[in-house]
Structure formats: structure tokens, C-alpha cells
Amino acid sequence: MRKIIHVDMDAFYASIEQRDHPEYRGKPLAVGRAAERGVVAAASYEARKWGVRSAMSSMSALARCPELVFVPLRFDVYREVSMQIRKIFLEYTDLVEPLSLDEAYLDVTVNKFAARSATLIAQEIRGRIKEVTGLTASAGVSINKFLAKVASDYKKPDGLFVIRPEEAEDFAGTLKIEQFWGVGRVTAEKMHRLGINTGSDLKKHDEAELVRIFGKAGHMYYLNARGIDDREVLPERVRKSLGAEKTFMTDLDDRGELLERLQEIAGEVWERCSRQYFAGRTVTLKIKYEDFREMSKSKTYAQAVKNFDLFLSAAKELLDSVQVESGHKIRLMGLYASNAEDKNNIGHRQLLLDFGDDEL
């Protein structure tokens, strides 16, 4: 039986800004630009109460919360804090799989203290993060990655939730289908049409039927509905690119509107790159015309693009080079970052602690 911890920092970017700027504490805060075409990269919990979310346009955020405070993104600072947190993880186990700057899986089945209790390890890690960075983290503990990730969201912020082995299957049955791994908006809508709203509903369908309806993902849905997830924690995750695409409701040929949509997509891609600890040297624009012809254009820099303004500038330059032909409007636009830089190796130090005898 594996012992998996999922650690998720609480409103990571926004919390760092409130930590470093006491005047922002307790106020609704957004990381991003309060510009006409700006995008919210992150929102504090005070702002989330007003419905402000990451990837939302700045104007929409201000309409929801007129008192919203905007601060510029400081990616280098967030990255530095993330490295501090990563070092803490490595004090306990080498099996650390980062998902982004602010979250990671840890397999502590075998750990550096021969500790039996994953729950106490998670408590200790949260305490160490608070001590070193001044920030709070939430953690989920369970027997696999799927359940641990769901658990980490249960007592946010600054919480710890444990799903024990004997609870796994029943717990999966209580989940909304949107909480299942790999179920996005489109898949959730399809499931709802089939009367699948919870894990219990999903469990009523056999594996062959789920595979027929959802393809290979059907295998995973079948297992997750029973609280099963065999994926290992993989320390060496190599990502080659990150991006986003958008198919427009109506085909477009107006450059002003295309530029506005490009900025929205760029904001979404940059938010993903920031969260995934990804910096690429190449920016690629993908275009699909109304007749389904596809084309792409790329721009490569000598060093990785670590500044949103530079990333957006490259995207605009690529769009400027695209011919919007009469009678051939654009139905889809995509933007990608690739050709990633090498990540820095992070060391660790050993601690000698006693965590007790709890099994999980």
C-alpha cells in the first residue's frame, strides 16, 4: 500500500504578495495588470469571495470587485519560494513529483526517517513550509495520487485531510464528477447528459462501456470510481511544451477582435507556464481557417521567455504576420511555449525526527 501526500500552497502568488506587502493583507488582491486587456494570474482568498478567479480578464474581475487591488507578477520571486518548498519536500523523500510551482505529490511509503505515519509527515512538512516561507499549505494524504489530490482541497486554506484505505471506495462515490481526474468541462457535460453526476453514478457503468464512450480515459474513470489509481509518483517529469487553443463561436477576420482573443489565450498559457514551472525559448502561434486549413508560425529567442510582456509581444508579432484572407476567416487560434530550458537541480538536507506509529 502506497502512502501519498499531495501538497498544495494556498493562493500561492497572492499570498506571497500579501506576505511581502503588509498593506495588502486582508484585502481582495489580484496578481496581474489592471489594464483593458489584462488577465488575472492569481487571486487572494478575499478576492475569490467576490468571484475573482485566475485567467479572468482584469475588467471582469474589477466589475465583480471594484475594490480589487492589482499587483504585478513577480515570477522570479515565486520561483525562488517554490525552490525553498521543493527543498523541504526533498528532506523527507526523493520521490517528489512537482505539478507546478505551488503543488506536488510526495510518495512517503519509504521515507528518509523510516516513519510509519504519512499524516504526521504531512503535518511536519506544512509546519516547515510555514517556518521557512511564512506561507500556509494544505495537504491531502491517502493511498494514491487521485485521492490525495482530492483530499488536499477539502480543508483549504491551511488544512490537512486524510482518506484512509478502508474509506477510499466509499469516498470516491461521494465525489462530484467534476472532481475526477481528467474530467474537464466538455467531458463533465457529456457525463451529465448520461446521468453521471457523482462517483456512485460512474460506478454503475462497466469498464467496456466507459471505454466505448470515453476512449482510453474510460479505464481511468472505471478505476477512480472505485478509489483505485495505480499511477506512480514520478520525480522526473519532462514537459516539452505548454499551450492553449480556442475555437471561436463565430469565425473571425477582424484583427482587433483577433488580437483581443490572442491576449486572452496568452494570459491562459502564461498562467499555466507559471504554475507548471515552465519556461520556453520558442513561441508558436497556430491558426485554423474556416476551410480547416492549418498553419503555424514560431519565434525562438536565445534565452527562455520569463516575462509575460515579452511572451505577449512575440504572440502579437506572429499574429501580425498572419494573412487574414477575404473569404477565409479564422475559426481556431492556439498559442504554445516550447523548447524549454533545463531545470536547476535542487539539493536536500537530512533531518532526524520521530513521527510516531500511525499507519497512514
Protein backbone atom coordinates (compact mmCIF):
# COMPACT_ATOMS: atom_id res chain seq x y z
CA MET A 1 0.00 0.00 0.00
CA ARG A 2 1.39 3.37 -1.02
CA LYS A 3 1.36 6.43 1.22
CA ILE A 4 0.92 9.53 -0.94
CA ILE A 5 0.83 13.19 0.09
CA HIS A 6 -0.38 15.98 -2.17
CA VAL A 7 0.76 19.42 -1.00
CA ASP A 8 -0.93 22.50 -2.46
CA MET A 9 0.09 26.01 -1.47
CA ASP A 10 -2.76 28.36 -0.53
CA ALA A 11 -3.29 31.15 -3.11
CA PHE A 12 0.45 30.97 -3.75
CA TYR A 13 1.23 34.12 -5.80
CA ALA A 14 -1.28 36.28 -3.96
CA SER A 15 -0.14 35.01 -0.56
CA ILE A 16 3.48 35.91 -1.37
CA GLU A 17 2.40 39.43 -2.31
CA GLN A 18 0.43 39.79 0.95
CA ARG A 19 3.40 38.40 2.88
CA ASP A 20 5.81 40.87 1.30
CA HIS A 21 3.40 43.83 1.42
CA PRO A 22 1.58 44.03 4.77
CA GLU A 23 -0.69 46.79 3.44
CA TYR A 24 -2.36 44.22 1.15
CA ARG A 25 -3.22 41.75 3.91
CA GLY A 26 -6.93 41.19 4.37
CA LYS A 27 -7.71 42.98 1.11
CA PRO A 28 -9.01 41.48 -2.16
CA LEU A 29 -5.88 41.19 -4.29
CA ALA A 30 -5.16 40.05 -7.83
CA VAL A 31 -1.78 39.36 -9.39
CA GLY A 32 -1.79 40.76 -12.90
CA ARG A 33 -2.43 44.02 -14.74
CA ALA A 34 -5.49 46.23 -14.27
CA ALA A 35 -5.46 47.01 -17.99
CA GLU A 36 -8.26 46.86 -20.53
CA ARG A 37 -6.87 43.62 -21.87
CA GLY A 38 -5.12 42.42 -18.75
CA VAL A 39 -5.59 38.98 -17.22
CA VAL A 40 -5.72 37.84 -13.57
CA ALA A 41 -2.85 35.43 -12.93
CA ALA A 42 -3.88 34.68 -9.34
CA ALA A 43 -6.38 35.90 -6.73
CA SER A 44 -6.30 36.07 -2.94
CA TYR A 45 -8.98 34.32 -0.91
CA GLU A 46 -10.51 37.73 -0.15
CA ALA A 47 -10.87 38.31 -3.90
CA ARG A 48 -12.22 34.81 -4.54
CA LYS A 49 -15.18 35.60 -2.27
CA TRP A 50 -16.20 38.11 -4.95
CA GLY A 51 -15.91 35.51 -7.71
CA VAL A 52 -12.49 36.65 -8.95
CA ARG A 53 -10.52 33.75 -10.46
CA SER A 54 -7.27 33.18 -12.32
CA ALA A 55 -7.40 33.54 -16.13
CA MET A 56 -10.32 36.00 -15.77
CA SER A 57 -10.00 39.28 -17.64
CA SER A 58 -8.97 42.17 -15.40
CA MET A 59 -12.03 44.19 -16.40
CA SER A 60 -14.38 41.35 -15.46
CA ALA A 61 -12.56 41.00 -12.13
CA LEU A 62 -12.94 44.71 -11.38
CA ALA A 63 -16.62 44.58 -12.32
CA ARG A 64 -17.10 41.85 -9.70
CA CYS A 65 -14.92 43.54 -7.10
CA PRO A 66 -14.40 47.31 -7.61
CA GLU A 67 -12.04 47.45 -4.58
CA LEU A 68 -9.73 44.82 -6.08
CA VAL A 69 -6.02 45.65 -5.68
CA PHE A 70 -3.78 44.68 -8.61
CA VAL A 71 -0.07 43.94 -8.19
CA PRO A 72 2.39 42.99 -10.96
CA LEU A 73 3.50 39.41 -11.40
CA ARG A 74 6.96 38.64 -9.92
CA PHE A 75 7.73 35.27 -11.43
CA ASP A 76 11.35 35.19 -10.20
CA VAL A 77 10.18 35.62 -6.58
CA TYR A 78 7.54 32.89 -6.89
CA ARG A 79 10.10 30.60 -8.42
CA GLU A 80 12.58 31.23 -5.62
CA VAL A 81 9.96 30.45 -2.96
CA SER A 82 8.97 27.32 -4.89
CA MET A 83 12.57 26.12 -4.76
CA GLN A 84 12.60 26.64 -0.98
CA ILE A 85 9.49 24.47 -0.71
CA ARG A 86 10.95 21.84 -3.03
CA LYS A 87 14.00 21.56 -0.79
CA ILE A 88 11.71 20.90 2.17
CA PHE A 89 9.98 18.09 0.28
CA LEU A 90 13.34 16.52 -0.53
CA GLU A 91 14.21 16.43 3.16
CA TYR A 92 11.60 13.69 3.52
CA THR A 93 11.67 11.73 0.25
CA ASP A 94 13.33 11.76 -3.16
CA LEU A 95 10.03 10.70 -4.74
CA VAL A 96 8.69 14.20 -5.37
CA GLU A 97 6.62 14.94 -8.48
CA PRO A 98 6.10 18.70 -8.96
CA LEU A 99 2.90 19.58 -10.78
CA SER A 100 3.57 23.30 -10.76
CA LEU A 101 5.33 25.96 -8.72
CA ASP A 102 2.82 25.55 -5.92
CA GLU A 103 1.88 21.87 -5.72
CA ALA A 104 3.49 18.44 -5.75
CA TYR A 105 2.99 14.77 -4.98
CA LEU A 106 5.23 13.00 -2.46
CA ASP A 107 5.49 9.24 -2.07
CA VAL A 108 6.47 8.66 1.57
CA THR A 109 5.82 4.92 1.64
CA VAL A 110 9.56 4.60 2.20
CA ASN A 111 10.94 7.85 3.57
CA LYS A 112 14.16 9.21 5.00
CA PHE A 113 13.08 8.77 8.62
CA ALA A 114 11.54 5.28 8.39
CA ALA A 115 8.40 6.98 9.69
CA ARG A 116 5.19 4.96 9.50
CA SER A 117 2.75 7.88 9.60
CA ALA A 118 2.21 9.80 6.37
CA THR A 119 -0.23 12.04 8.22
CA LEU A 120 2.42 13.17 10.69
CA ILE A 121 4.90 13.70 7.85
CA ALA A 122 2.34 15.93 6.11
CA GLN A 123 1.85 17.88 9.34
CA GLU A 124 5.58 18.31 9.72
CA ILE A 125 6.00 19.47 6.10
CA ARG A 126 3.26 22.07 6.49
CA GLY A 127 4.94 23.34 9.62
CA ARG A 128 8.34 23.52 7.91
CA ILE A 129 6.85 25.46 4.98
CA LYS A 130 5.29 27.96 7.38
CA GLU A 131 8.57 28.28 9.28
CA VAL A 132 10.75 28.79 6.20
CA THR A 133 8.48 30.84 3.92
CA GLY A 134 5.82 32.32 6.17
CA LEU A 135 3.15 30.80 3.91
CA THR A 136 0.45 28.22 4.54
CA ALA A 137 -0.05 24.98 2.63
CA SER A 138 -2.88 22.47 2.51
CA ALA A 139 -2.22 18.74 2.23
CA GLY A 140 -4.11 15.57 1.36
CA VAL A 141 -2.99 12.12 2.46
CA SER A 142 -4.18 8.83 1.02
CA ILE A 143 -3.19 5.60 -0.71
CA ASN A 144 -2.93 7.04 -4.24
CA LYS A 145 -2.48 10.24 -6.23
CA PHE A 146 -6.13 10.66 -7.20
CA LEU A 147 -7.44 10.58 -3.63
CA ALA A 148 -4.55 12.58 -2.18
CA LYS A 149 -5.15 15.44 -4.64
CA VAL A 150 -8.88 15.50 -3.91
CA ALA A 151 -8.16 15.42 -0.17
CA SER A 152 -5.81 18.43 -0.31
CA ASP A 153 -8.72 20.62 -1.39
CA TYR A 154 -11.07 19.57 1.40
CA LYS A 155 -9.87 21.81 4.21
CA LYS A 156 -8.34 24.74 2.33
CA PRO A 157 -6.79 27.01 3.30
CA ASP A 158 -4.18 25.79 5.78
CA GLY A 159 -5.78 22.37 6.21
CA LEU A 160 -4.98 18.66 6.28
CA PHE A 161 -7.36 15.89 5.23
CA VAL A 162 -6.78 12.13 5.28
CA ILE A 163 -8.61 9.44 3.29
CA ARG A 164 -7.80 6.07 4.85
CA PRO A 165 -7.62 2.80 2.87
CA GLU A 166 -10.94 1.47 4.17
CA GLU A 167 -12.64 4.76 3.21
CA ALA A 168 -11.30 5.02 -0.34
CA GLU A 169 -14.09 3.39 -2.37
CA ASP A 170 -16.99 4.92 -0.45
CA PHE A 171 -15.32 8.34 -0.53
CA ALA A 172 -14.90 8.18 -4.33
CA GLY A 173 -18.62 7.53 -4.61
CA THR A 174 -19.46 10.82 -2.88
CA LEU A 175 -17.42 12.99 -5.26
CA LYS A 176 -18.94 15.19 -7.92
CA ILE A 177 -17.89 14.03 -11.37
CA GLU A 178 -16.00 17.31 -11.90
CA GLN A 179 -13.62 16.26 -9.10
CA PHE A 180 -12.42 13.20 -11.02
CA TRP A 181 -9.01 13.16 -12.65
CA GLY A 182 -9.18 14.13 -16.33
CA VAL A 183 -12.81 15.28 -16.31
CA GLY A 184 -12.92 18.76 -17.81
CA ARG A 185 -15.90 20.88 -18.75
CA VAL A 186 -16.70 19.10 -22.01
CA THR A 187 -16.40 15.60 -20.53
CA ALA A 188 -18.44 16.63 -17.49
CA GLU A 189 -21.24 17.91 -19.72
CA LYS A 190 -21.21 14.62 -21.63
CA MET A 191 -21.39 12.66 -18.37
CA HIS A 192 -24.25 14.77 -17.08
CA ARG A 193 -26.20 14.01 -20.26
CA LEU A 194 -25.70 10.33 -19.46
CA GLY A 195 -26.96 10.81 -15.91
CA ILE A 196 -23.48 10.52 -14.41
CA ASN A 197 -23.23 13.21 -11.73
CA THR A 198 -21.25 11.51 -8.93
CA GLY A 199 -18.72 8.77 -8.39
CA SER A 200 -21.56 6.43 -7.43
CA ASP A 201 -23.26 7.12 -10.78
CA LEU A 202 -19.99 6.46 -12.60
CA LYS A 203 -19.51 3.17 -10.74
CA LYS A 204 -22.76 1.82 -12.20
CA HIS A 205 -21.17 1.67 -15.68
CA ASP A 206 -18.88 -1.23 -16.58
CA GLU A 207 -15.38 -0.69 -17.92
CA ALA A 208 -16.13 -1.72 -21.52
CA GLU A 209 -18.99 0.78 -21.73
CA LEU A 210 -16.87 3.61 -20.34
CA VAL A 211 -14.06 2.86 -22.80
CA ARG A 212 -16.55 2.80 -25.68
CA ILE A 213 -17.92 6.20 -24.67
CA PHE A 214 -14.77 7.99 -23.45
CA GLY A 215 -11.93 6.11 -25.14
CA LYS A 216 -8.80 5.21 -23.17
CA ALA A 217 -9.79 7.58 -20.36
CA GLY A 218 -12.67 5.20 -19.65
CA HIS A 219 -10.20 2.78 -18.00
CA MET A 220 -9.14 5.50 -15.58
CA TYR A 221 -12.71 6.57 -14.82
CA TYR A 222 -13.64 2.95 -14.05
CA LEU A 223 -10.76 2.59 -11.57
CA ASN A 224 -11.11 6.03 -9.96
CA ALA A 225 -14.81 5.41 -9.30
CA ARG A 226 -13.63 2.54 -7.07
CA GLY A 227 -10.95 4.64 -5.37
CA ILE A 228 -8.17 2.95 -7.38
CA ASP A 229 -5.23 4.77 -9.01
CA ASP A 230 -2.06 2.87 -9.87
CA ARG A 231 -0.03 5.83 -11.16
CA GLU A 232 3.37 6.18 -9.54
CA VAL A 233 4.90 9.39 -8.24
CA LEU A 234 7.42 10.28 -10.95
CA PRO A 235 10.23 12.64 -9.93
CA GLU A 236 11.48 13.20 -13.49
CA ARG A 237 8.58 14.70 -15.42
CA VAL A 238 9.86 16.17 -18.69
CA ARG A 239 7.43 18.56 -20.36
CA LYS A 240 8.23 19.65 -23.90
CA SER A 241 5.59 22.32 -24.40
CA LEU A 242 2.61 24.08 -22.88
CA GLY A 243 -0.19 25.88 -24.67
CA ALA A 244 -3.86 26.52 -25.19
CA GLU A 245 -6.25 26.65 -28.12
CA LYS A 246 -9.63 28.31 -28.58
CA THR A 247 -12.26 27.55 -31.21
CA PHE A 248 -14.36 30.65 -31.74
CA MET A 249 -18.15 30.62 -31.64
CA THR A 250 -18.13 32.50 -34.97
CA ASP A 251 -15.27 32.64 -37.48
CA LEU A 252 -13.29 35.88 -37.23
CA ASP A 253 -11.50 38.18 -39.67
CA ASP A 254 -11.36 41.41 -37.65
CA ARG A 255 -7.78 41.98 -36.47
CA GLY A 256 -8.82 43.94 -33.41
CA GLU A 257 -11.04 41.11 -32.21
CA LEU A 258 -8.38 38.53 -33.07
CA LEU A 259 -5.85 40.48 -31.03
CA GLU A 260 -8.22 40.57 -28.08
CA ARG A 261 -8.72 36.80 -28.26
CA LEU A 262 -4.96 36.29 -28.61
CA GLN A 263 -4.35 38.23 -25.42
CA GLU A 264 -6.88 36.07 -23.57
CA ILE A 265 -5.17 32.90 -24.81
CA ALA A 266 -1.72 34.31 -23.96
CA GLY A 267 -2.89 35.03 -20.41
CA GLU A 268 -4.14 31.47 -20.03
CA VAL A 269 -0.91 29.96 -21.42
CA TRP A 270 1.25 32.17 -19.22
CA GLU A 271 -0.73 31.21 -16.14
CA ARG A 272 -0.19 27.53 -17.00
CA CYS A 273 3.52 28.08 -17.64
CA SER A 274 3.90 29.86 -14.30
CA ARG A 275 2.07 27.13 -12.41
CA GLN A 276 3.94 24.35 -14.21
CA TYR A 277 7.38 25.87 -13.56
CA PHE A 278 7.90 26.00 -17.35
CA ALA A 279 9.92 28.49 -19.39
CA GLY A 280 10.44 28.00 -23.14
CA ARG A 281 12.56 29.71 -25.76
CA THR A 282 10.07 29.24 -28.61
CA VAL A 283 6.63 30.85 -29.00
CA THR A 284 4.33 29.29 -31.61
CA LEU A 285 1.04 30.59 -33.00
CA LYS A 286 -1.36 28.09 -34.58
CA ILE A 287 -4.16 29.16 -36.91
CA LYS A 288 -7.03 27.13 -38.37
CA TYR A 289 -9.11 28.79 -41.09
CA GLU A 290 -12.83 28.33 -41.72
CA ASP A 291 -11.99 25.84 -44.52
CA PHE A 292 -9.95 23.83 -41.94
CA ARG A 293 -6.57 24.70 -43.46
CA GLU A 294 -3.96 24.93 -40.70
CA MET A 295 -0.77 26.93 -40.40
CA SER A 296 1.69 27.82 -37.67
CA LYS A 297 4.38 30.43 -37.14
CA SER A 298 7.13 30.43 -34.49
CA LYS A 299 9.65 32.79 -32.95
CA THR A 300 12.66 31.50 -31.00
CA TYR A 301 14.74 33.51 -28.53
CA ALA A 302 18.30 32.91 -27.36
CA GLN A 303 17.06 32.50 -23.78
CA ALA A 304 13.85 31.27 -22.18
CA VAL A 305 10.96 33.74 -22.13
CA LYS A 306 10.33 34.52 -18.44
CA ASN A 307 8.42 37.77 -18.88
CA PHE A 308 4.73 37.92 -19.85
CA ASP A 309 5.10 41.15 -21.79
CA LEU A 310 7.81 39.57 -23.96
CA PHE A 311 5.67 36.45 -24.44
CA LEU A 312 2.67 38.54 -25.47
CA SER A 313 4.82 40.73 -27.74
CA ALA A 314 6.05 37.63 -29.58
CA ALA A 315 2.48 36.37 -29.95
CA LYS A 316 1.33 39.73 -31.37
CA GLU A 317 4.25 39.80 -33.81
CA LEU A 318 3.32 36.32 -35.03
CA LEU A 319 -0.32 37.32 -35.46
CA ASP A 320 0.72 40.42 -37.41
CA SER A 321 2.48 38.13 -39.89
CA VAL A 322 -0.65 36.05 -40.49
CA GLN A 323 -2.68 36.89 -43.56
CA VAL A 324 -6.39 37.09 -42.83
CA GLU A 325 -7.71 36.38 -46.30
CA SER A 326 -11.02 37.60 -47.63
CA GLY A 327 -13.46 34.69 -47.51
CA HIS A 328 -11.13 32.69 -45.24
CA LYS A 329 -11.89 33.65 -41.68
CA ILE A 330 -10.17 32.14 -38.65
CA ARG A 331 -12.07 29.51 -36.65
CA LEU A 332 -9.34 28.47 -34.18
CA MET A 333 -6.27 30.06 -32.66
CA GLY A 334 -3.67 28.43 -30.44
CA LEU A 335 -0.54 29.61 -28.67
CA TYR A 336 2.32 27.48 -27.33
CA ALA A 337 5.57 27.81 -25.41
CA SER A 338 8.20 25.14 -26.13
CA ASN A 339 11.94 24.45 -26.34
CA ALA A 340 12.25 24.55 -22.55
CA GLU A 341 15.33 25.45 -20.57
CA ASP A 342 16.93 22.91 -18.25
CA LYS A 343 15.67 22.99 -14.68
CA ASN A 344 18.06 23.56 -11.81
CA ASN A 345 18.88 20.60 -9.62
CA ILE A 346 17.79 21.12 -6.06
CA GLY A 347 19.66 19.57 -3.17
CA HIS A 348 18.38 18.48 0.19
CA ARG A 349 19.49 18.02 3.76
CA GLN A 350 18.64 15.23 6.21
CA LEU A 351 16.56 15.74 9.34
CA LEU A 352 16.21 13.32 12.23
CA LEU A 353 12.63 13.33 13.54
CA ASP A 354 10.27 10.82 15.16
CA PHE A 355 6.74 10.75 13.75
CA GLY A 356 5.06 8.06 15.87
CA ASP A 357 3.38 4.84 14.83
CA ASP A 358 0.21 5.73 12.88
CA GLU A 359 -0.17 3.67 9.70
CA LEU A 360 -1.39 6.46 7.44
